[in-house]
N, C-alpha and C. Protein backbone atom coordinates (compact mmCIF):
# COMPACT_ATOMS: atom_id res chain seq x y z
N MET A 1 1.01 -1.30 -0.06
CA MET A 1 -0.25 -0.29 0.42
C MET A 1 1.02 1.51 0.09
N LEU A 2 1.64 1.61 0.60
CA LEU A 2 2.35 2.45 1.09
C LEU A 2 3.80 2.50 0.84
N GLY A 3 4.30 1.57 0.19
CA GLY A 3 5.57 0.93 -0.48
C GLY A 3 6.19 -0.15 -0.04
N VAL A 4 7.49 -0.48 -0.32
CA VAL A 4 8.47 -1.42 0.30
C VAL A 4 9.28 -0.84 1.18
N ARG A 5 10.18 -1.71 2.17
CA ARG A 5 10.60 -1.23 2.87
C ARG A 5 12.16 -0.58 2.45
N ASN A 6 12.54 -0.80 1.27
CA ASN A 6 13.79 -0.62 0.64
C ASN A 6 13.61 0.63 0.05
N ASP A 7 12.27 0.75 -0.30
CA ASP A 7 12.12 2.03 -1.03
C ASP A 7 12.54 3.18 -1.02
N PRO A 8 13.34 4.58 -0.72
CA PRO A 8 13.71 5.30 0.15
C PRO A 8 12.46 6.33 -0.18
N ARG A 9 11.41 6.35 -0.49
CA ARG A 9 10.19 6.76 -0.19
C ARG A 9 8.82 6.36 0.73
N PHE A 10 9.76 5.39 1.23
CA PHE A 10 8.77 3.98 2.34
C PHE A 10 8.65 4.91 3.83
N GLY A 11 9.51 6.07 4.79
CA GLY A 11 9.54 6.51 5.06
C GLY A 11 8.32 7.79 5.09
N PRO A 12 8.69 8.70 4.15
CA PRO A 12 7.96 9.98 3.71
C PRO A 12 6.59 9.38 3.50
N ARG A 13 6.47 8.34 3.08
CA ARG A 13 4.87 8.16 3.00
C ARG A 13 4.01 7.97 3.94
N TRP A 14 4.61 7.08 4.78
CA TRP A 14 4.00 6.92 6.30
C TRP A 14 4.22 8.16 7.01
N ALA A 15 5.07 8.71 6.87
CA ALA A 15 5.00 9.88 7.86
C ALA A 15 3.95 10.87 7.19
N LEU A 16 4.05 11.34 6.29
CA LEU A 16 2.40 11.58 5.05
C LEU A 16 1.09 11.20 5.46
N PHE A 17 1.15 9.99 5.57
CA PHE A 17 -0.22 9.33 5.81
C PHE A 17 -0.53 9.71 7.49
N ALA A 18 0.49 9.60 8.35
CA ALA A 18 0.06 10.13 9.69
C ALA A 18 -0.44 11.18 9.80
N PHE A 19 0.37 11.89 9.15
CA PHE A 19 0.25 13.69 9.35
C PHE A 19 -1.30 13.90 9.27
N VAL A 20 -1.20 13.66 7.83
CA VAL A 20 -2.61 14.02 7.29
C VAL A 20 -3.69 13.65 8.61
N VAL A 21 -4.03 11.96 8.89
CA VAL A 21 -4.76 12.13 9.67
C VAL A 21 -4.98 12.20 10.80
N THR A 22 -3.69 12.86 11.32
CA THR A 22 -3.72 12.98 12.76
C THR A 22 -4.50 14.47 12.48
N GLU A 23 -4.16 15.41 11.44
CA GLU A 23 -4.05 16.45 11.50
C GLU A 23 -5.71 16.51 11.04
N VAL A 24 -6.40 15.60 10.55
CA VAL A 24 -7.85 15.21 10.39
C VAL A 24 -8.68 15.26 11.51
N ILE A 25 -7.87 14.20 12.48
CA ILE A 25 -8.70 13.90 13.58
C ILE A 25 -8.22 15.15 15.08
N THR A 26 -7.67 15.70 14.51
CA THR A 26 -7.17 17.29 15.51
C THR A 26 -8.18 18.19 15.56
N ARG A 27 -8.30 18.07 14.40
CA ARG A 27 -9.33 19.64 13.60
C ARG A 27 -10.93 19.11 14.28
N ALA A 28 -10.64 17.71 14.10
CA ALA A 28 -12.18 17.38 14.11
C ALA A 28 -12.39 17.47 15.73
N VAL A 29 -11.48 16.97 16.31
CA VAL A 29 -11.95 16.65 17.99
C VAL A 29 -11.62 18.24 18.27
N THR A 30 -11.15 19.11 17.88
CA THR A 30 -11.46 20.39 18.44
C THR A 30 -12.20 21.71 18.37
N TYR A 31 -12.78 20.70 16.98
CA TYR A 31 -13.91 21.51 16.50
C TYR A 31 -15.04 21.15 16.71
N VAL A 32 -15.11 19.52 17.51
CA VAL A 32 -16.35 19.38 18.43
C VAL A 32 -16.36 19.76 19.55
N LEU A 33 -15.02 20.43 20.51
CA LEU A 33 -15.05 20.74 21.38
C LEU A 33 -15.65 22.38 21.35
N ARG A 34 -14.93 22.55 20.31
CA ARG A 34 -15.70 24.27 20.12
C ARG A 34 -17.16 24.36 20.23
N LEU A 35 -17.45 23.09 19.13
CA LEU A 35 -19.20 22.98 19.01
C LEU A 35 -19.94 23.30 20.34
N ARG A 36 -19.40 22.39 21.24
CA ARG A 36 -20.02 22.01 22.68
C ARG A 36 -19.24 23.05 23.65
N GLY A 37 -19.22 24.20 23.17
CA GLY A 37 -18.62 24.99 23.98
C GLY A 37 -17.47 25.69 24.94
N ALA A 38 -16.75 24.72 24.64
CA ALA A 38 -15.23 24.47 25.06
C ALA A 38 -14.40 25.42 24.36
N GLY A 39 -14.14 26.83 25.33
CA GLY A 39 -13.13 27.83 25.06
C GLY A 39 -11.51 27.61 25.36
N PRO A 40 -10.84 28.40 26.01
CA PRO A 40 -9.60 28.20 26.00
C PRO A 40 -9.27 27.22 27.39
N ASP A 41 -10.24 27.20 28.11
CA ASP A 41 -10.43 26.12 28.98
C ASP A 41 -10.65 25.12 28.62
N GLY A 42 -11.04 24.57 27.55
CA GLY A 42 -11.45 23.12 27.39
C GLY A 42 -10.52 22.47 27.05
N GLY A 43 -10.88 20.85 26.42
CA GLY A 43 -9.78 19.85 26.02
C GLY A 43 -9.17 19.29 27.51
N LEU A 44 -7.86 18.73 27.56
CA LEU A 44 -7.43 17.84 29.02
C LEU A 44 -6.85 19.30 29.49
N ILE A 45 -7.74 19.37 30.55
CA ILE A 45 -7.55 20.12 31.89
C ILE A 45 -6.69 19.42 33.24
N ILE A 46 -5.23 20.12 33.72
CA ILE A 46 -4.78 19.41 34.53
C ILE A 46 -4.61 20.35 35.42
N ASN A 47 -4.60 20.15 36.92
CA ASN A 47 -3.99 21.63 37.76
C ASN A 47 -5.14 22.99 37.12
N GLY A 48 -5.91 22.99 36.89
CA GLY A 48 -6.35 24.29 36.42
C GLY A 48 -5.52 24.82 34.82
N VAL A 49 -4.64 23.75 34.29
CA VAL A 49 -3.93 24.07 32.88
C VAL A 49 -4.83 23.66 31.79
N HIS A 50 -5.08 24.23 31.21
CA HIS A 50 -5.29 23.58 29.45
C HIS A 50 -3.76 23.50 28.74
N VAL A 51 -3.65 21.98 28.65
CA VAL A 51 -2.82 21.35 28.11
C VAL A 51 -2.99 20.88 26.60
N HIS A 52 -2.30 21.52 26.30
CA HIS A 52 -2.68 22.19 24.37
C HIS A 52 -1.92 20.74 23.87
N HIS A 53 -2.67 20.19 22.31
CA HIS A 53 -1.81 19.19 22.29
C HIS A 53 -0.34 19.40 21.67
N VAL A 54 -0.03 20.64 21.22
CA VAL A 54 1.50 20.78 20.51
C VAL A 54 2.08 19.97 21.83
N ASN A 55 2.26 20.13 23.40
CA ASN A 55 2.90 19.05 24.35
C ASN A 55 3.23 17.68 23.68
N PHE A 56 1.53 17.08 23.12
CA PHE A 56 2.04 15.75 23.07
C PHE A 56 2.71 15.70 22.05
N GLY A 57 2.90 16.58 20.54
CA GLY A 57 3.49 16.23 19.88
C GLY A 57 5.14 16.74 20.11
N LEU A 58 5.31 17.16 20.98
CA LEU A 58 7.03 17.68 21.23
C LEU A 58 7.19 16.01 22.15
N ALA A 59 6.61 16.05 23.06
CA ALA A 59 6.60 14.55 23.45
C ALA A 59 7.41 13.66 22.76
N ILE A 60 6.54 13.43 21.65
CA ILE A 60 6.27 12.55 20.45
C ILE A 60 7.67 12.43 20.02
N LEU A 61 8.25 13.92 19.36
CA LEU A 61 9.27 13.75 18.93
C LEU A 61 10.63 13.56 19.52
N ILE A 62 10.27 14.48 20.88
CA ILE A 62 11.66 14.02 21.80
C ILE A 62 12.02 12.29 22.09
N VAL A 63 11.06 11.56 22.18
CA VAL A 63 11.17 10.09 22.28
C VAL A 63 12.17 9.72 20.91
N LEU A 64 11.23 10.58 19.48
CA LEU A 64 11.62 10.21 18.63
C LEU A 64 13.39 10.19 18.02
N THR A 65 13.75 11.39 18.47
CA THR A 65 14.76 11.83 18.16
C THR A 65 15.90 10.93 19.17
N PHE A 66 15.72 10.41 20.58
CA PHE A 66 16.19 9.92 21.16
C PHE A 66 16.24 8.82 20.07
N ALA A 67 15.25 7.63 19.86
CA ALA A 67 15.20 6.50 19.20
C ALA A 67 16.04 6.76 17.80
N TRP A 68 16.29 7.89 17.16
CA TRP A 68 17.14 7.74 15.98
C TRP A 68 18.53 7.71 16.51
N LEU A 69 19.21 9.02 17.55
CA LEU A 69 19.70 9.15 18.32
C LEU A 69 20.78 7.41 18.74
N ALA A 70 19.93 6.74 18.96
CA ALA A 70 20.39 5.58 19.91
C ALA A 70 20.67 4.24 18.88
N ARG A 71 19.98 4.27 17.40
CA ARG A 71 20.68 3.61 16.32
C ARG A 71 21.50 4.19 15.51
N GLY A 72 22.11 5.00 15.85
CA GLY A 72 23.66 5.75 15.54
C GLY A 72 24.13 5.18 14.06
N SER A 73 24.90 4.54 13.66
CA SER A 73 25.48 4.21 12.96
C SER A 73 24.83 2.79 12.29
N ARG A 74 24.04 2.34 12.71
CA ARG A 74 23.07 0.88 12.27
C ARG A 74 21.99 1.67 11.47
N SER A 75 21.74 2.71 10.83
CA SER A 75 20.60 3.54 10.28
C SER A 75 20.99 2.73 9.00
N GLN A 76 22.44 2.69 8.55
CA GLN A 76 22.01 2.36 7.02
C GLN A 76 22.26 1.09 6.86
N ALA A 77 22.15 -0.30 7.91
CA ALA A 77 22.37 -1.56 7.86
C ALA A 77 21.20 -2.22 8.14
N SER A 78 20.45 -1.57 9.01
CA SER A 78 18.61 -2.07 9.16
C SER A 78 17.65 -1.22 8.89
N PRO A 79 16.86 -1.67 7.97
CA PRO A 79 15.46 -0.83 7.80
C PRO A 79 14.88 -0.17 9.11
N MET A 80 14.39 1.25 8.57
CA MET A 80 13.68 1.98 9.91
C MET A 80 12.56 1.23 10.22
N PRO A 81 12.33 1.11 11.67
CA PRO A 81 11.09 0.44 12.36
C PRO A 81 9.93 1.73 11.68
N LEU A 82 9.07 1.04 11.60
CA LEU A 82 7.85 1.56 10.82
C LEU A 82 7.15 2.38 11.62
N TRP A 83 7.47 2.26 13.09
CA TRP A 83 6.86 3.76 13.57
C TRP A 83 7.09 4.61 14.27
N GLN A 84 8.91 4.45 13.42
CA GLN A 84 9.52 5.76 13.28
C GLN A 84 8.84 6.92 12.48
N PRO A 85 8.93 6.76 11.00
CA PRO A 85 7.93 8.08 10.05
C PRO A 85 6.56 8.12 10.71
N ILE A 86 5.99 6.61 10.96
CA ILE A 86 4.27 7.59 11.93
C ILE A 86 4.51 8.34 13.00
N ALA A 87 5.51 7.99 14.00
CA ALA A 87 5.39 8.71 15.06
C ALA A 87 6.37 9.99 14.80
N PHE A 88 6.98 10.09 13.69
CA PHE A 88 7.11 11.79 13.07
C PHE A 88 6.07 12.68 12.62
N GLY A 89 5.07 11.67 11.75
CA GLY A 89 4.05 12.51 10.68
C GLY A 89 2.81 13.15 12.20
N ILE A 90 2.80 12.12 13.26
CA ILE A 90 2.22 12.38 14.05
C ILE A 90 2.45 13.42 15.19
N GLY A 91 3.80 13.58 15.81
CA GLY A 91 4.05 14.68 16.05
C GLY A 91 4.25 16.22 15.57
N TRP A 92 4.68 15.87 14.24
CA TRP A 92 4.61 17.41 13.59
C TRP A 92 3.45 17.99 13.61
N SER A 93 2.09 17.32 13.21
CA SER A 93 1.48 17.44 13.04
C SER A 93 0.42 18.30 14.16
N LEU A 94 1.03 17.79 15.24
CA LEU A 94 0.17 18.29 16.32
C LEU A 94 1.04 19.22 17.06
N VAL A 95 2.13 19.82 16.55
CA VAL A 95 3.32 20.84 16.58
C VAL A 95 2.43 21.60 16.02
N ILE A 96 3.29 21.49 14.58
CA ILE A 96 2.60 22.25 13.45
C ILE A 96 1.07 22.89 14.03
N ASP A 97 0.06 22.17 14.44
CA ASP A 97 -0.89 22.88 14.27
C ASP A 97 -1.61 23.85 15.16
N GLU A 98 -0.70 23.70 16.21
CA GLU A 98 -0.73 24.99 17.34
C GLU A 98 0.40 26.03 16.58
N HIS A 99 1.10 26.05 15.16
CA HIS A 99 1.91 26.95 15.35
C HIS A 99 1.72 28.29 15.76
N ALA A 100 0.52 28.80 15.54
CA ALA A 100 0.41 30.13 15.51
C ALA A 100 0.11 30.49 17.37
N MET A 101 -0.38 29.33 17.99
CA MET A 101 -0.04 29.60 19.54
C MET A 101 1.46 29.86 19.53
N ILE A 102 2.56 29.05 19.33
CA ILE A 102 3.98 29.26 19.20
C ILE A 102 4.30 30.98 18.96
N LEU A 103 3.77 30.91 17.72
CA LEU A 103 4.22 32.53 17.36
C LEU A 103 3.77 33.44 18.31
N PHE A 104 2.60 33.70 18.19
CA PHE A 104 2.09 34.66 18.96
C PHE A 104 2.16 34.40 20.95
N LEU A 105 2.48 33.29 21.38
CA LEU A 105 3.03 33.07 22.48
C LEU A 105 1.56 33.37 23.39
N GLU A 106 -0.28 33.24 22.48
CA GLU A 106 -1.28 33.17 23.38
C GLU A 106 -1.89 31.88 22.69
N ASP A 107 -3.29 31.33 23.35
CA ASP A 107 -4.13 30.80 22.56
C ASP A 107 -4.90 31.37 21.53
N VAL A 108 -4.40 31.03 20.08
CA VAL A 108 -4.96 31.92 19.15
C VAL A 108 -5.51 30.95 18.18
N TYR A 109 -5.76 30.28 18.81
CA TYR A 109 -6.33 28.88 17.74
C TYR A 109 -7.71 28.84 17.01
N TRP A 110 -8.37 29.46 17.67
CA TRP A 110 -9.86 29.45 17.33
C TRP A 110 -10.36 31.28 16.78
N THR A 111 -9.17 31.73 16.60
CA THR A 111 -9.14 33.20 16.23
C THR A 111 -8.71 33.75 14.60
N ASP A 112 -8.82 34.81 13.72
CA ASP A 112 -8.16 34.75 12.99
C ASP A 112 -6.69 34.98 12.73
N ARG A 113 -6.09 34.97 14.16
CA ARG A 113 -4.50 35.32 13.86
C ARG A 113 -3.92 33.07 14.10
N GLY A 114 -5.50 32.65 14.18
CA GLY A 114 -4.72 30.96 14.16
C GLY A 114 -4.98 30.53 13.13
N GLU A 115 -5.23 31.07 12.02
CA GLU A 115 -4.95 30.67 10.89
C GLU A 115 -3.42 30.65 10.20
N GLU A 116 -2.60 30.92 10.99
CA GLU A 116 -1.55 31.56 10.80
C GLU A 116 -0.77 29.95 10.58
N SER A 117 -1.77 28.84 10.91
CA SER A 117 -1.15 27.41 11.58
C SER A 117 -0.82 27.15 10.25
N LEU A 118 -2.06 27.48 9.04
CA LEU A 118 -2.30 26.80 8.17
C LEU A 118 -1.61 26.88 6.86
N VAL A 119 -0.37 28.01 6.97
CA VAL A 119 0.50 27.40 5.62
C VAL A 119 1.58 27.24 5.98
N PRO A 120 2.21 26.38 7.68
CA PRO A 120 3.75 25.98 7.87
C PRO A 120 2.71 24.44 7.62
N LEU A 121 1.27 24.15 7.95
CA LEU A 121 0.70 23.12 7.25
C LEU A 121 0.44 22.47 5.82
N ALA A 122 0.47 23.23 5.35
CA ALA A 122 0.67 22.92 3.77
C ALA A 122 1.95 22.80 2.92
N ILE A 123 2.76 23.74 4.22
CA ILE A 123 4.20 23.87 3.51
C ILE A 123 5.00 22.52 3.73
N PHE A 124 5.02 22.15 5.05
CA PHE A 124 5.06 20.53 5.15
C PHE A 124 4.54 19.97 4.79
N ALA A 125 3.01 19.25 4.63
CA ALA A 125 2.60 18.39 4.13
C ALA A 125 2.92 18.23 2.30
N ILE A 126 3.51 19.37 1.42
CA ILE A 126 3.78 19.63 0.37
C ILE A 126 4.97 19.10 -0.11
N VAL A 127 6.18 19.38 1.37
CA VAL A 127 7.00 18.86 1.05
C VAL A 127 7.08 17.33 1.60
N LEU A 128 6.37 16.85 2.10
CA LEU A 128 5.96 15.26 2.64
C LEU A 128 5.68 14.57 1.24
N ALA A 129 4.66 14.79 0.47
CA ALA A 129 4.08 14.67 -0.83
C ALA A 129 4.88 14.58 -1.79
N TRP A 130 6.05 15.49 -2.10
CA TRP A 130 6.89 15.55 -2.99
C TRP A 130 7.89 14.20 -2.54
N MET A 131 8.29 14.04 -0.88
CA MET A 131 9.26 13.41 -0.68
C MET A 131 8.79 11.63 -0.95
N SER A 132 7.17 12.14 -0.81
CA SER A 132 6.53 10.69 -0.65
C SER A 132 6.27 9.87 -2.45
N PHE A 133 6.62 10.91 -3.11
CA PHE A 133 6.22 10.36 -4.79
C PHE A 133 7.34 11.08 -5.88
N ARG A 134 8.04 11.47 -5.37
CA ARG A 134 8.98 11.79 -6.87
C ARG A 134 10.07 10.49 -7.08
N PRO A 135 10.31 10.81 -8.37
CA PRO A 135 11.03 9.57 -8.86
C PRO A 135 12.35 9.57 -8.39
N ILE A 136 12.58 7.77 -8.86
CA ILE A 136 13.96 7.70 -8.12
C ILE A 136 14.48 7.67 -8.99
N ARG A 137 16.06 8.00 -9.16
CA ARG A 137 17.01 7.92 -9.51
C ARG A 137 17.66 6.63 -9.52
N GLU A 138 18.47 5.90 -10.75
CA GLU A 138 19.29 4.82 -10.45
C GLU A 138 20.41 5.01 -9.84
N ASN A 139 21.26 4.57 -9.07
CA ASN A 139 22.46 4.96 -8.55
C ASN A 139 23.40 4.47 -9.39
N LYS A 140 24.15 4.74 -10.44
CA LYS A 140 25.01 4.18 -11.09
C LYS A 140 25.96 5.31 -10.97
N GLU A 141 26.94 4.57 -10.43
CA GLU A 141 28.28 5.03 -10.77
C GLU A 141 29.11 5.31 -12.03
N VAL A 142 29.99 6.54 -11.56
CA VAL A 142 30.42 7.26 -12.81
C VAL A 142 32.06 6.83 -12.27
N PRO A 143 32.50 6.53 -13.84
CA PRO A 143 34.13 5.57 -13.42
C PRO A 143 35.08 7.16 -13.32
N LEU A 144 36.37 6.88 -12.81
CA LEU A 144 36.85 7.75 -12.75
C LEU A 144 37.44 8.03 -13.50
N LYS A 145 38.30 9.40 -14.05
CA LYS A 145 39.25 9.34 -15.06
C LYS A 145 40.62 9.45 -14.61
N ASP A 146 41.24 9.00 -15.53
CA ASP A 146 42.96 8.97 -15.01
C ASP A 146 43.11 9.96 -15.87
């Protein structure tokens, strides 16, 4: 469905898939919360603090970063585990979805300024789509001239 493991587009395709699915689910959940009357204090509240989904995205990206660092030089010898590109897409979707909040340092998700998140979301999706469907060139070794 999304490629074979030795295809260099395998990881980007799974990351794109996870990114888009996460974005659709995130927007749907936040929209439903908004319809039910949840404002800035809606969603997950811990000790009176609204925990934004950007925090979950950052936590996922931290775990992923340490997993990549732990792989070290083995990365070329063994294929990337499927959970890694999926975690990449989910994590970045949750972070970039709240780009406007990070930019303005206030909860602007449902305001006009909240639409600032749409541009980086689109750019990220376009880059992943390009990486996922670009043509693959054969690696042809060029002989050295004497």
